[in-house]
Structure formats: C-alpha cells, structure tokens
Amino acid sequence: MLGADYYVSPEAARDAVLHRSSFNAIHQRSLTKVDFMIRKEEEYRRHEFTRRVRVRVDDFDVWVVGKEDILSNLDWAREPHSQRQLADVENLIATGCDMDDLRAWSARLSLTDMLTRVSP
C-alpha cells in the first residue's frame, strides 16, 4: 500500500496486471510519478528479475531493477527513436555497469545497434 499521498488508478493497475504492462502512481504533493512495470514472462525479464534490488522510499521498501537492466530503454527508444531513452541509457552506462552482460543480452534481443549508439 502506497498510502493516501499517492494516486493510483485501480483500473489502470488491474489492466496492467492482466496484460503484463505498466501503470503509475503519482505523489499528489510533489507530483512525482512512479512507474510500475509488471514483469513479463520472457527469458530476459526473468533474468532481470533475479537482479532486482530493494530500495527504501519514505517508509516502505520497493524492488527495482538493477541499472544493468537498461535494455528496456533501448527497446523503447527503437520505435520512436526517443532521445530521452537513449540519453538515460548513456548516463547509466557512464556511471559504470556490466558491459559484458549488456552486450550479451543486447545481441540476444537484437539491440546491439542501439547499444552501440550510446556506448563510449
């Protein structure tokens, strides 16, 4: 339970769970948006889930994917060529991550060209 300070559409959350998609919560005072992604059943998603990390937010714990699991951003950027998604990945790579793992999974997911665009 996020608490009364957050707005979550029950319909959006239910739909996201049913269709394994996403929904968000909005902190009503700060207008901070938190995205919730429902894990899909693909092999990469199961691998990604094994590397999740626990993070404390205010007075509750949440699980988030590790920064090595930025390939979703590359996949999202492939269609509209979103510069924001590419910049996010570039920034995360600059802070250090497991490039061998990123290269291996990007090859398996046909994202090598996108990873090459943002790699140093």
PDB file of N, CA and C in Angstrom:
ATOM      1  N   MET A   1       0.842  -1.175   0.000  1.00  0.00           N
ATOM      2  CA  MET A   1       0.000   0.000   0.000  1.00  0.00           C
ATOM      3  C   MET A   1       0.887   1.238   0.000  1.00  0.00           C
ATOM      4  N   LEU A   2       0.660   2.124  -0.938  1.00  0.00           N
ATOM      5  CA  LEU A   2       1.451   3.341  -1.044  1.00  0.00           C
ATOM      6  C   LEU A   2       1.014   4.417  -0.071  1.00  0.00           C
ATOM      7  N   GLY A   3      -0.204   4.430   0.305  1.00  0.00           N
ATOM      8  CA  GLY A   3      -0.698   5.429   1.239  1.00  0.00           C
ATOM      9  C   GLY A   3      -1.521   6.498   0.555  1.00  0.00           C
ATOM     10  N   ALA A   4      -2.133   7.316   1.372  1.00  0.00           N
ATOM     11  CA  ALA A   4      -3.075   8.328   0.883  1.00  0.00           C
ATOM     12  C   ALA A   4      -2.420   9.448   0.090  1.00  0.00           C
ATOM     13  N   ASP A   5      -1.109   9.602   0.216  1.00  0.00           N
ATOM     14  CA  ASP A   5      -0.423  10.674  -0.514  1.00  0.00           C
ATOM     15  C   ASP A   5      -0.260  10.369  -2.001  1.00  0.00           C
ATOM     16  N   TYR A   6      -0.560   9.129  -2.397  1.00  0.00           N
ATOM     17  CA  TYR A   6      -0.371   8.711  -3.784  1.00  0.00           C
ATOM     18  C   TYR A   6      -1.705   8.440  -4.464  1.00  0.00           C
ATOM     19  N   TYR A   7      -1.770   8.833  -5.718  1.00  0.00           N
ATOM     20  CA  TYR A   7      -2.946   8.488  -6.515  1.00  0.00           C
ATOM     21  C   TYR A   7      -2.567   7.346  -7.450  1.00  0.00           C
ATOM     22  N   VAL A   8      -3.357   6.294  -7.425  1.00  0.00           N
ATOM     23  CA  VAL A   8      -3.206   5.165  -8.347  1.00  0.00           C
ATOM     24  C   VAL A   8      -4.586   4.847  -8.885  1.00  0.00           C
ATOM     25  N   SER A   9      -4.702   4.755 -10.192  1.00  0.00           N
ATOM     26  CA  SER A   9      -5.964   4.355 -10.789  1.00  0.00           C
ATOM     27  C   SER A   9      -6.137   2.844 -10.606  1.00  0.00           C
ATOM     28  N   PRO A  10      -7.144   2.422  -9.874  1.00  0.00           N
ATOM     29  CA  PRO A  10      -7.350   0.981  -9.695  1.00  0.00           C
ATOM     30  C   PRO A  10      -7.558   0.255 -11.029  1.00  0.00           C
ATOM     31  N   GLU A  11      -8.241   0.913 -11.955  1.00  0.00           N
ATOM     32  CA  GLU A  11      -8.485   0.303 -13.270  1.00  0.00           C
ATOM     33  C   GLU A  11      -7.184   0.129 -14.036  1.00  0.00           C
ATOM     34  N   ALA A  12      -6.322   1.144 -14.008  1.00  0.00           N
ATOM     35  CA  ALA A  12      -5.040   1.055 -14.715  1.00  0.00           C
ATOM     36  C   ALA A  12      -4.163  -0.036 -14.106  1.00  0.00           C
ATOM     37  N   ALA A  13      -4.141  -0.130 -12.779  1.00  0.00           N
ATOM     38  CA  ALA A  13      -3.342  -1.152 -12.113  1.00  0.00           C
ATOM     39  C   ALA A  13      -3.863  -2.552 -12.454  1.00  0.00           C
ATOM     40  N   ARG A  14      -5.170  -2.734 -12.396  1.00  0.00           N
ATOM     41  CA  ARG A  14      -5.775  -4.029 -12.720  1.00  0.00           C
ATOM     42  C   ARG A  14      -5.475  -4.415 -14.163  1.00  0.00           C
ATOM     43  N   ASP A  15      -5.632  -3.464 -15.089  1.00  0.00           N
ATOM     44  CA  ASP A  15      -5.364  -3.715 -16.503  1.00  0.00           C
ATOM     45  C   ASP A  15      -3.898  -4.073 -16.731  1.00  0.00           C
ATOM     46  N   ALA A  16      -3.010  -3.390 -16.034  1.00  0.00           N
ATOM     47  CA  ALA A  16      -1.582  -3.668 -16.177  1.00  0.00           C
ATOM     48  C   ALA A  16      -1.246  -5.084 -15.717  1.00  0.00           C
ATOM     49  N   VAL A  17      -1.834  -5.512 -14.622  1.00  0.00           N
ATOM     50  CA  VAL A  17      -1.588  -6.862 -14.132  1.00  0.00           C
ATOM     51  C   VAL A  17      -2.133  -7.890 -15.122  1.00  0.00           C
ATOM     52  N   LEU A  18      -3.331  -7.660 -15.613  1.00  0.00           N
ATOM     53  CA  LEU A  18      -3.942  -8.600 -16.560  1.00  0.00           C
ATOM     54  C   LEU A  18      -3.168  -8.715 -17.865  1.00  0.00           C
ATOM     55  N   HIS A  19      -2.608  -7.586 -18.340  1.00  0.00           N
ATOM     56  CA  HIS A  19      -1.935  -7.565 -19.647  1.00  0.00           C
ATOM     57  C   HIS A  19      -0.419  -7.488 -19.549  1.00  0.00           C
ATOM     58  N   ARG A  20       0.077  -7.618 -18.318  1.00  0.00           N
ATOM     59  CA  ARG A  20       1.522  -7.548 -18.076  1.00  0.00           C
ATOM     60  C   ARG A  20       2.135  -6.315 -18.743  1.00  0.00           C
ATOM     61  N   SER A  21       1.574  -5.172 -18.371  1.00  0.00           N
ATOM     62  CA  SER A  21       2.064  -3.908 -18.914  1.00  0.00           C
ATOM     63  C   SER A  21       2.494  -3.016 -17.757  1.00  0.00           C
ATOM     64  N   SER A  22       2.149  -1.757 -17.770  1.00  0.00           N
ATOM     65  CA  SER A  22       2.598  -0.846 -16.710  1.00  0.00           C
ATOM     66  C   SER A  22       1.476   0.090 -16.275  1.00  0.00           C
ATOM     67  N   PHE A  23       1.665   0.652 -15.107  1.00  0.00           N
ATOM     68  CA  PHE A  23       0.780   1.694 -14.595  1.00  0.00           C
ATOM     69  C   PHE A  23       1.635   2.615 -13.747  1.00  0.00           C
ATOM     70  N   ASN A  24       1.088   3.724 -13.293  1.00  0.00           N
ATOM     71  CA  ASN A  24       1.890   4.607 -12.458  1.00  0.00           C
ATOM     72  C   ASN A  24       1.125   5.083 -11.244  1.00  0.00           C
ATOM     73  N   ALA A  25       1.903   5.573 -10.309  1.00  0.00           N
ATOM     74  CA  ALA A  25       1.377   6.201  -9.097  1.00  0.00           C
ATOM     75  C   ALA A  25       1.923   7.616  -9.085  1.00  0.00           C
ATOM     76  N   ILE A  26       1.114   8.546  -8.623  1.00  0.00           N
ATOM     77  CA  ILE A  26       1.538   9.939  -8.575  1.00  0.00           C
ATOM     78  C   ILE A  26       1.458  10.428  -7.139  1.00  0.00           C
ATOM     79  N   HIS A  27       2.586  10.924  -6.657  1.00  0.00           N
ATOM     80  CA  HIS A  27       2.609  11.525  -5.329  1.00  0.00           C
ATOM     81  C   HIS A  27       1.930  12.880  -5.458  1.00  0.00           C
ATOM     82  N   GLN A  28       0.831  13.062  -4.768  1.00  0.00           N
ATOM     83  CA  GLN A  28      -0.042  14.209  -5.019  1.00  0.00           C
ATOM     84  C   GLN A  28       0.550  15.546  -4.600  1.00  0.00           C
ATOM     85  N   ARG A  29       1.414  15.570  -3.608  1.00  0.00           N
ATOM     86  CA  ARG A  29       2.008  16.860  -3.209  1.00  0.00           C
ATOM     87  C   ARG A  29       3.176  17.270  -4.100  1.00  0.00           C
ATOM     88  N   SER A  30       4.056  16.331  -4.423  1.00  0.00           N
ATOM     89  CA  SER A  30       5.243  16.675  -5.217  1.00  0.00           C
ATOM     90  C   SER A  30       5.032  16.465  -6.711  1.00  0.00           C
ATOM     91  N   LEU A  31       3.947  15.756  -7.069  1.00  0.00           N
ATOM     92  CA  LEU A  31       3.650  15.386  -8.456  1.00  0.00           C
ATOM     93  C   LEU A  31       4.724  14.480  -9.059  1.00  0.00           C
ATOM     94  N   THR A  32       5.417  13.753  -8.200  1.00  0.00           N
ATOM     95  CA  THR A  32       6.396  12.773  -8.658  1.00  0.00           C
ATOM     96  C   THR A  32       5.650  11.545  -9.153  1.00  0.00           C
ATOM     97  N   LYS A  33       6.024  11.075 -10.330  1.00  0.00           N
ATOM     98  CA  LYS A  33       5.379   9.902 -10.914  1.00  0.00           C
ATOM     99  C   LYS A  33       6.290   8.697 -10.764  1.00  0.00           C
ATOM    100  N   VAL A  34       5.731   7.599 -10.315  1.00  0.00           N
ATOM    101  CA  VAL A  34       6.458   6.346 -10.168  1.00  0.00           C
ATOM    102  C   VAL A  34       5.839   5.346 -11.130  1.00  0.00           C
ATOM    103  N   ASP A  35       6.664   4.764 -11.991  1.00  0.00           N
ATOM    104  CA  ASP A  35       6.184   3.767 -12.948  1.00  0.00           C
ATOM    105  C   ASP A  35       6.315   2.376 -12.355  1.00  0.00           C
ATOM    106  N   PHE A  36       5.267   1.587 -12.499  1.00  0.00           N
ATOM    107  CA  PHE A  36       5.264   0.193 -12.083  1.00  0.00           C
ATOM    108  C   PHE A  36       5.154  -0.666 -13.329  1.00  0.00           C
ATOM    109  N   MET A  37       6.138  -1.531 -13.541  1.00  0.00           N
ATOM    110  CA  MET A  37       6.149  -2.422 -14.692  1.00  0.00           C
ATOM    111  C   MET A  37       5.844  -3.837 -14.205  1.00  0.00           C
ATOM    112  N   ILE A  38       4.858  -4.451 -14.773  1.00  0.00           N
ATOM    113  CA  ILE A  38       4.527  -5.830 -14.426  1.00  0.00           C
ATOM    114  C   ILE A  38       5.433  -6.742 -15.249  1.00  0.00           C
ATOM    115  N   ARG A  39       6.130  -7.643 -14.560  1.00  0.00           N
ATOM    116  CA  ARG A  39       7.113  -8.493 -15.243  1.00  0.00           C
ATOM    117  C   ARG A  39       6.449  -9.389 -16.275  1.00  0.00           C
ATOM    118  N   LYS A  40       7.062  -9.411 -17.436  1.00  0.00           N
ATOM    119  CA  LYS A  40       6.620 -10.301 -18.498  1.00  0.00           C
ATOM    120  C   LYS A  40       7.310 -11.655 -18.326  1.00  0.00           C
ATOM    121  N   GLU A  41       6.933 -12.637 -19.119  1.00  0.00           N
ATOM    122  CA  GLU A  41       7.451 -13.996 -18.957  1.00  0.00           C
ATOM    123  C   GLU A  41       8.647 -14.326 -19.838  1.00  0.00           C
ATOM    124  N   GLU A  42       9.149 -13.385 -20.630  1.00  0.00           N
ATOM    125  CA  GLU A  42      10.290 -13.672 -21.493  1.00  0.00           C
ATOM    126  C   GLU A  42      11.531 -13.998 -20.659  1.00  0.00           C
ATOM    127  N   GLU A  43      12.460 -14.717 -21.276  1.00  0.00           N
ATOM    128  CA  GLU A  43      13.683 -15.133 -20.583  1.00  0.00           C
ATOM    129  C   GLU A  43      14.443 -13.937 -20.005  1.00  0.00           C
ATOM    130  N   TYR A  44      14.593 -12.879 -20.787  1.00  0.00           N
ATOM    131  CA  TYR A  44      15.314 -11.702 -20.297  1.00  0.00           C
ATOM    132  C   TYR A  44      14.627 -11.102 -19.075  1.00  0.00           C
ATOM    133  N   ARG A  45      13.312 -11.050 -19.075  1.00  0.00           N
ATOM    134  CA  ARG A  45      12.579 -10.479 -17.948  1.00  0.00           C
ATOM    135  C   ARG A  45      12.779 -11.303 -16.677  1.00  0.00           C
ATOM    136  N   ARG A  46      12.830 -12.620 -16.821  1.00  0.00           N
ATOM    137  CA  ARG A  46      13.095 -13.466 -15.659  1.00  0.00           C
ATOM    138  C   ARG A  46      14.516 -13.223 -15.146  1.00  0.00           C
ATOM    139  N   HIS A  47      15.471 -13.075 -16.064  1.00  0.00           N
ATOM    140  CA  HIS A  47      16.863 -12.769 -15.689  1.00  0.00           C
ATOM    141  C   HIS A  47      16.931 -11.409 -14.989  1.00  0.00           C
ATOM    142  N   GLU A  48      16.275 -10.437 -15.554  1.00  0.00           N
ATOM    143  CA  GLU A  48      16.236  -9.092 -15.000  1.00  0.00           C
ATOM    144  C   GLU A  48      15.702  -9.123 -13.558  1.00  0.00           C
ATOM    145  N   PHE A  49      14.689  -9.914 -13.338  1.00  0.00           N
ATOM    146  CA  PHE A  49      14.045 -10.003 -12.027  1.00  0.00           C
ATOM    147  C   PHE A  49      14.991 -10.566 -10.971  1.00  0.00           C
ATOM    148  N   THR A  50      15.896 -11.459 -11.373  1.00  0.00           N
ATOM    149  CA  THR A  50      16.831 -12.050 -10.406  1.00  0.00           C
ATOM    150  C   THR A  50      17.825 -11.022  -9.888  1.00  0.00           C
ATOM    151  N   ARG A  51      18.015  -9.916 -10.604  1.00  0.00           N
ATOM    152  CA  ARG A  51      18.982  -8.900 -10.192  1.00  0.00           C
ATOM    153  C   ARG A  51      18.329  -7.678  -9.557  1.00  0.00           C
ATOM    154  N   ARG A  52      17.068  -7.782  -9.227  1.00  0.00           N
ATOM    155  CA  ARG A  52      16.388  -6.636  -8.626  1.00  0.00           C
ATOM    156  C   ARG A  52      17.032  -6.289  -7.294  1.00  0.00           C
ATOM    157  N   VAL A  53      16.878  -5.053  -6.896  1.00  0.00           N
ATOM    158  CA  VAL A  53      17.437  -4.596  -5.626  1.00  0.00           C
ATOM    159  C   VAL A  53      16.343  -3.921  -4.808  1.00  0.00           C
ATOM    160  N   ARG A  54      16.448  -4.035  -3.505  1.00  0.00           N
ATOM    161  CA  ARG A  54      15.484  -3.420  -2.601  1.00  0.00           C
ATOM    162  C   ARG A  54      15.926  -1.990  -2.311  1.00  0.00           C
ATOM    163  N   VAL A  55      14.986  -1.064  -2.421  1.00  0.00           N
ATOM    164  CA  VAL A  55      15.260   0.347  -2.177  1.00  0.00           C
ATOM    165  C   VAL A  55      14.217   0.870  -1.197  1.00  0.00           C
ATOM    166  N   ARG A  56      14.657   1.650  -0.251  1.00  0.00           N
ATOM    167  CA  ARG A  56      13.739   2.235   0.735  1.00  0.00           C
ATOM    168  C   ARG A  56      13.265   3.579   0.209  1.00  0.00           C
ATOM    169  N   VAL A  57      11.955   3.774   0.119  1.00  0.00           N
ATOM    170  CA  VAL A  57      11.350   5.034  -0.297  1.00  0.00           C
ATOM    171  C   VAL A  57      10.427   5.473   0.824  1.00  0.00           C
ATOM    172  N   ASP A  58      10.746   6.622   1.384  1.00  0.00           N
ATOM    173  CA  ASP A  58      10.000   7.107   2.544  1.00  0.00           C
ATOM    174  C   ASP A  58       9.962   6.008   3.612  1.00  0.00           C
ATOM    175  N   ASP A  59       8.784   5.491   3.906  1.00  0.00           N
ATOM    176  CA  ASP A  59       8.691   4.490   4.966  1.00  0.00           C
ATOM    177  C   ASP A  59       8.340   3.095   4.457  1.00  0.00           C
ATOM    178  N   PHE A  60       8.631   2.823   3.182  1.00  0.00           N
ATOM    179  CA  PHE A  60       8.373   1.477   2.685  1.00  0.00           C
ATOM    180  C   PHE A  60       9.460   1.040   1.709  1.00  0.00           C
ATOM    181  N   ASP A  61       9.585  -0.267   1.534  1.00  0.00           N
ATOM    182  CA  ASP A  61      10.569  -0.842   0.627  1.00  0.00           C
ATOM    183  C   ASP A  61       9.928  -1.145  -0.716  1.00  0.00           C
ATOM    184  N   VAL A  62      10.689  -0.920  -1.767  1.00  0.00           N
ATOM    185  CA  VAL A  62      10.257  -1.293  -3.117  1.00  0.00           C
ATOM    186  C   VAL A  62      11.401  -2.042  -3.787  1.00  0.00           C
ATOM    187  N   TRP A  63      11.057  -2.836  -4.764  1.00  0.00           N
ATOM    188  CA  TRP A  63      12.052  -3.553  -5.549  1.00  0.00           C
ATOM    189  C   TRP A  63      12.176  -2.860  -6.903  1.00  0.00           C
ATOM    190  N   VAL A  64      13.408  -2.636  -7.331  1.00  0.00           N
ATOM    191  CA  VAL A  64      13.661  -2.020  -8.635  1.00  0.00           C
ATOM    192  C   VAL A  64      14.686  -2.862  -9.382  1.00  0.00           C
ATOM    193  N   VAL A  65      14.643  -2.775 -10.700  1.00  0.00           N
ATOM    194  CA  VAL A  65      15.641  -3.492 -11.488  1.00  0.00           C
ATOM    195  C   VAL A  65      16.980  -2.803 -11.325  1.00  0.00           C
ATOM    196  N   GLY A  66      18.042  -3.569 -11.505  1.00  0.00           N
ATOM    197  CA  GLY A  66      19.385  -3.010 -11.435  1.00  0.00           C
ATOM    198  C   GLY A  66      19.673  -2.150 -12.654  1.00  0.00           C
ATOM    199  N   LYS A  67      20.694  -1.309 -12.549  1.00  0.00           N
ATOM    200  CA  LYS A  67      20.976  -0.409 -13.664  1.00  0.00           C
ATOM    201  C   LYS A  67      21.508  -1.146 -14.886  1.00  0.00           C
ATOM    202  N   GLU A  68      21.979  -2.385 -14.707  1.00  0.00           N
ATOM    203  CA  GLU A  68      22.382  -3.156 -15.884  1.00  0.00           C
ATOM    204  C   GLU A  68      21.188  -3.517 -16.768  1.00  0.00           C
ATOM    205  N   ASP A  69      20.018  -3.429 -16.203  1.00  0.00           N
ATOM    206  CA  ASP A  69      18.825  -3.822 -16.947  1.00  0.00           C
ATOM    207  C   ASP A  69      18.184  -2.622 -17.635  1.00  0.00           C
ATOM    208  N   ILE A  70      19.006  -1.947 -18.422  1.00  0.00           N
ATOM    209  CA  ILE A  70      18.576  -0.745 -19.143  1.00  0.00           C
ATOM    210  C   ILE A  70      18.205  -1.049 -20.589  1.00  0.00           C
ATOM    211  N   LEU A  71      18.238  -2.319 -20.929  1.00  0.00           N
ATOM    212  CA  LEU A  71      17.923  -2.680 -22.315  1.00  0.00           C
ATOM    213  C   LEU A  71      16.473  -2.376 -22.667  1.00  0.00           C
ATOM    214  N   SER A  72      15.603  -2.344 -21.678  1.00  0.00           N
ATOM    215  CA  SER A  72      14.211  -1.961 -21.945  1.00  0.00           C
ATOM    216  C   SER A  72      14.160  -0.557 -22.529  1.00  0.00           C
ATOM    217  N   ASN A  73      14.998   0.328 -21.984  1.00  0.00           N
ATOM    218  CA  ASN A  73      15.041   1.698 -22.507  1.00  0.00           C
ATOM    219  C   ASN A  73      15.460   1.707 -23.973  1.00  0.00           C
ATOM    220  N   LEU A  74      16.418   0.859 -24.320  1.00  0.00           N
ATOM    221  CA  LEU A  74      16.848   0.791 -25.718  1.00  0.00           C
ATOM    222  C   LEU A  74      15.734   0.247 -26.603  1.00  0.00           C
ATOM    223  N   ASP A  75      15.021  -0.737 -26.090  1.00  0.00           N
ATOM    224  CA  ASP A  75      13.912  -1.302 -26.849  1.00  0.00           C
ATOM    225  C   ASP A  75      12.824  -0.248 -27.063  1.00  0.00           C
ATOM    226  N   TRP A  76      12.514   0.529 -26.002  1.00  0.00           N
ATOM    227  CA  TRP A  76      11.515   1.586 -26.122  1.00  0.00           C
ATOM    228  C   TRP A  76      11.972   2.666 -27.086  1.00  0.00           C
ATOM    229  N   ALA A  77      13.261   2.936 -27.124  1.00  0.00           N
ATOM    230  CA  ALA A  77      13.796   4.001 -27.978  1.00  0.00           C
ATOM    231  C   ALA A  77      13.859   3.579 -29.439  1.00  0.00           C
ATOM    232  N   ARG A  78      13.789   2.287 -29.705  1.00  0.00           N
ATOM    233  CA  ARG A  78      13.938   1.788 -31.074  1.00  0.00           C
ATOM    234  C   ARG A  78      12.829   2.307 -31.983  1.00  0.00           C
ATOM    235  N   GLU A  79      11.598   2.266 -31.533  1.00  0.00           N
ATOM    236  CA  GLU A  79      10.476   2.684 -32.377  1.00  0.00           C
ATOM    237  C   GLU A  79      10.443   4.193 -32.615  1.00  0.00           C
ATOM    238  N   PRO A  80      10.234   4.976 -31.569  1.00  0.00           N
ATOM    239  CA  PRO A  80      10.148   6.422 -31.817  1.00  0.00           C
ATOM    240  C   PRO A  80      11.513   7.096 -31.824  1.00  0.00           C
ATOM    241  N   HIS A  81      12.592   6.322 -31.627  1.00  0.00           N
ATOM    242  CA  HIS A  81      13.946   6.876 -31.515  1.00  0.00           C
ATOM    243  C   HIS A  81      13.973   7.992 -30.484  1.00  0.00           C
ATOM    244  N   SER A  82      13.458   7.682 -29.330  1.00  0.00           N
ATOM    245  CA  SER A  82      13.367   8.633 -28.237  1.00  0.00           C
ATOM    246  C   SER A  82      14.748   9.022 -27.745  1.00  0.00           C
ATOM    247  N   GLN A  83      15.069  10.274 -27.896  1.00  0.00           N
ATOM    248  CA  GLN A  83      16.357  10.769 -27.427  1.00  0.00           C
ATOM    249  C   GLN A  83      16.452  10.694 -25.907  1.00  0.00           C
ATOM    250  N   ARG A  84      15.341  10.847 -25.224  1.00  0.00           N
ATOM    251  CA  ARG A  84      15.361  10.774 -23.762  1.00  0.00           C
ATOM    252  C   ARG A  84      15.767   9.387 -23.294  1.00  0.00           C
ATOM    253  N   GLN A  85      15.187   8.341 -23.885  1.00  0.00           N
ATOM    254  CA  GLN A  85      15.539   6.972 -23.512  1.00  0.00           C
ATOM    255  C   GLN A  85      17.015   6.709 -23.788  1.00  0.00           C
ATOM    256  N   LEU A  86      17.483   7.160 -24.945  1.00  0.00           N
ATOM    257  CA  LEU A  86      18.895   6.962 -25.290  1.00  0.00           C
ATOM    258  C   LEU A  86      19.799   7.720 -24.323  1.00  0.00           C
ATOM    259  N   ALA A  87      19.428   8.928 -23.957  1.00  0.00           N
ATOM    260  CA  ALA A  87      20.221   9.717 -23.006  1.00  0.00           C
ATOM    261  C   ALA A  87      20.238   9.050 -21.639  1.00  0.00           C
ATOM    262  N   ASP A  88      19.106   8.479 -21.216  1.00  0.00           N
ATOM    263  CA  ASP A  88      19.053   7.772 -19.936  1.00  0.00           C
ATOM    264  C   ASP A  88      20.040   6.609 -19.923  1.00  0.00           C
ATOM    265  N   VAL A  89      20.053   5.837 -20.997  1.00  0.00           N
ATOM    266  CA  VAL A  89      20.965   4.696 -21.084  1.00  0.00           C
ATOM    267  C   VAL A  89      22.412   5.179 -21.103  1.00  0.00           C
ATOM    268  N   GLU A  90      22.687   6.195 -21.871  1.00  0.00           N
ATOM    269  CA  GLU A  90      24.046   6.738 -21.953  1.00  0.00           C
ATOM    270  C   GLU A  90      24.530   7.195 -20.568  1.00  0.00           C
ATOM    271  N   ASN A  91      23.663   7.868 -19.829  1.00  0.00           N
ATOM    272  CA  ASN A  91      24.027   8.321 -18.482  1.00  0.00           C
ATOM    273  C   ASN A  91      24.277   7.155 -17.540  1.00  0.00           C
ATOM    274  N   LEU A  92      23.455   6.129 -17.610  1.00  0.00           N
ATOM    275  CA  LEU A  92      23.654   4.971 -16.740  1.00  0.00           C
ATOM    276  C   LEU A  92      24.945   4.228 -17.081  1.00  0.00           C
ATOM    277  N   ILE A  93      25.245   4.097 -18.358  1.00  0.00           N
ATOM    278  CA  ILE A  93      26.488   3.445 -18.762  1.00  0.00           C
ATOM    279  C   ILE A  93      27.685   4.239 -18.254  1.00  0.00           C
ATOM    280  N   ALA A  94      27.600   5.558 -18.301  1.00  0.00           N
ATOM    281  CA  ALA A  94      28.700   6.413 -17.846  1.00  0.00           C
ATOM    282  C   ALA A  94      28.994   6.236 -16.364  1.00  0.00           C
ATOM    283  N   THR A  95      28.008   5.798 -15.579  1.00  0.00           N
ATOM    284  CA  THR A  95      28.228   5.604 -14.141  1.00  0.00           C
ATOM    285  C   THR A  95      28.809   4.230 -13.838  1.00  0.00           C
ATOM    286  N   GLY A  96      28.986   3.410 -14.870  1.00  0.00           N
ATOM    287  CA  GLY A  96      29.566   2.090 -14.691  1.00  0.00           C
ATOM    288  C   GLY A  96      28.526   1.008 -14.549  1.00  0.00           C
ATOM    289  N   CYS A  97      28.673  -0.017 -15.359  1.00  0.00           N
ATOM    290  CA  CYS A  97      27.777  -1.168 -15.282  1.00  0.00           C
ATOM    291  C   CYS A  97      28.452  -2.346 -15.978  1.00  0.00           C
ATOM    292  N   ASP A  98      27.827  -3.484 -15.938  1.00  0.00           N
ATOM    293  CA  ASP A  98      28.367  -4.715 -16.510  1.00  0.00           C
ATOM    294  C   ASP A  98      28.165  -4.711 -18.028  1.00  0.00           C
ATOM    295  N   MET A  99      29.147  -4.154 -18.739  1.00  0.00           N
ATOM    296  CA  MET A  99      29.033  -4.032 -20.197  1.00  0.00           C
ATOM    297  C   MET A  99      29.028  -5.388 -20.894  1.00  0.00           C
ATOM    298  N   ASP A 100      29.734  -6.373 -20.345  1.00  0.00           N
ATOM    299  CA  ASP A 100      29.721  -7.700 -20.962  1.00  0.00           C
ATOM    300  C   ASP A 100      28.312  -8.276 -20.969  1.00  0.00           C
ATOM    301  N   ASP A 101      27.622  -8.136 -19.854  1.00  0.00           N
ATOM    302  CA  ASP A 101      26.249  -8.613 -19.758  1.00  0.00           C
ATOM    303  C   ASP A 101      25.342  -7.829 -20.707  1.00  0.00           C
ATOM    304  N   LEU A 102      25.514  -6.515 -20.754  1.00  0.00           N
ATOM    305  CA  LEU A 102      24.710  -5.690 -21.667  1.00  0.00           C
ATOM    306  C   LEU A 102      24.927  -6.101 -23.119  1.00  0.00           C
ATOM    307  N   ARG A 103      26.178  -6.321 -23.499  1.00  0.00           N
ATOM    308  CA  ARG A 103      26.472  -6.731 -24.887  1.00  0.00           C
ATOM    309  C   ARG A 103      25.856  -8.099 -25.207  1.00  0.00           C
ATOM    310  N   ALA A 104      25.978  -9.033 -24.260  1.00  0.00           N
ATOM    311  CA  ALA A 104      25.435 -10.379 -24.492  1.00  0.00           C
ATOM    312  C   ALA A 104      23.924 -10.334 -24.667  1.00  0.00           C
ATOM    313  N   TRP A 105      23.232  -9.649 -23.760  1.00  0.00           N
ATOM    314  CA  TRP A 105      21.775  -9.589 -23.859  1.00  0.00           C
ATOM    315  C   TRP A 105      21.321  -8.722 -25.029  1.00  0.00           C
ATOM    316  N   SER A 106      22.043  -7.668 -25.341  1.00  0.00           N
ATOM    317  CA  SER A 106      21.638  -6.833 -26.475  1.00  0.00           C
ATOM    318  C   SER A 106      21.722  -7.636 -27.770  1.00  0.00           C
ATOM    319  N   ALA A 107      22.711  -8.523 -27.868  1.00  0.00           N
ATOM    320  CA  ALA A 107      22.812  -9.379 -29.058  1.00  0.00           C
ATOM    321  C   ALA A 107      21.624 -10.344 -29.121  1.00  0.00           C
ATOM    322  N   ARG A 108      21.267 -10.924 -27.989  1.00  0.00           N
ATOM    323  CA  ARG A 108      20.151 -11.877 -27.957  1.00  0.00           C
ATOM    324  C   ARG A 108      18.815 -11.197 -28.244  1.00  0.00           C
ATOM    325  N   LEU A 109      18.712  -9.904 -27.904  1.00  0.00           N
ATOM    326  CA  LEU A 109      17.454  -9.171 -28.067  1.00  0.00           C
ATOM    327  C   LEU A 109      17.448  -8.276 -29.309  1.00  0.00           C
ATOM    328  N   SER A 110      18.456  -8.430 -30.151  1.00  0.00           N
ATOM    329  CA  SER A 110      18.580  -7.620 -31.381  1.00  0.00           C
ATOM    330  C   SER A 110      18.618  -6.119 -31.072  1.00  0.00           C
ATOM    331  N   LEU A 111      19.373  -5.769 -30.043  1.00  0.00           N
ATOM    332  CA  LEU A 111      19.503  -4.366 -29.646  1.00  0.00           C
ATOM    333  C   LEU A 111      20.942  -3.867 -29.746  1.00  0.00           C
ATOM    334  N   THR A 112      21.818  -4.652 -30.383  1.00  0.00           N
ATOM    335  CA  THR A 112      23.227  -4.275 -30.470  1.00  0.00           C
ATOM    336  C   THR A 112      23.406  -2.921 -31.131  1.00  0.00           C
ATOM    337  N   ASP A 113      22.661  -2.659 -32.200  1.00  0.00           N
ATOM    338  CA  ASP A 113      22.799  -1.369 -32.883  1.00  0.00           C
ATOM    339  C   ASP A 113      22.432  -0.210 -31.956  1.00  0.00           C
ATOM    340  N   MET A 114      21.415  -0.389 -31.137  1.00  0.00           N
ATOM    341  CA  MET A 114      21.007   0.673 -30.210  1.00  0.00           C
ATOM    342  C   MET A 114      22.049   0.840 -29.097  1.00  0.00           C
ATOM    343  N   LEU A 115      22.592  -0.259 -28.595  1.00  0.00           N
ATOM    344  CA  LEU A 115      23.606  -0.175 -27.544  1.00  0.00           C
ATOM    345  C   LEU A 115      24.857   0.504 -28.078  1.00  0.00           C
ATOM    346  N   THR A 116      25.220   0.212 -29.307  1.00  0.00           N
ATOM    347  CA  THR A 116      26.391   0.819 -29.919  1.00  0.00           C
ATOM    348  C   THR A 116      26.244   2.334 -30.019  1.00  0.00           C
ATOM    349  N   ARG A 117      25.047   2.791 -30.273  1.00  0.00           N
ATOM    350  CA  ARG A 117      24.807   4.241 -30.384  1.00  0.00           C
ATOM    351  C   ARG A 117      25.084   4.993 -29.095  1.00  0.00           C
ATOM    352  N   VAL A 118      24.919   4.339 -27.955  1.00  0.00           N
ATOM    353  CA  VAL A 118      25.065   5.039 -26.676  1.00  0.00           C
ATOM    354  C   VAL A 118      26.303   4.611 -25.891  1.00  0.00           C
ATOM    355  N   SER A 119      27.062   3.658 -26.396  1.00  0.00           N
ATOM    356  CA  SER A 119      28.247   3.186 -25.690  1.00  0.00           C
ATOM    357  C   SER A 119      29.437   4.094 -25.988  1.00  0.00           C
ATOM    358  N   PRO A 120      30.323   4.221 -24.989  1.00  0.00           N
ATOM    359  CA  PRO A 120      31.526   5.053 -25.203  1.00  0.00           C
ATOM    360  C   PRO A 120      32.478   4.417 -26.200  1.00  0.00           C
TER     361      PRO A 120
END
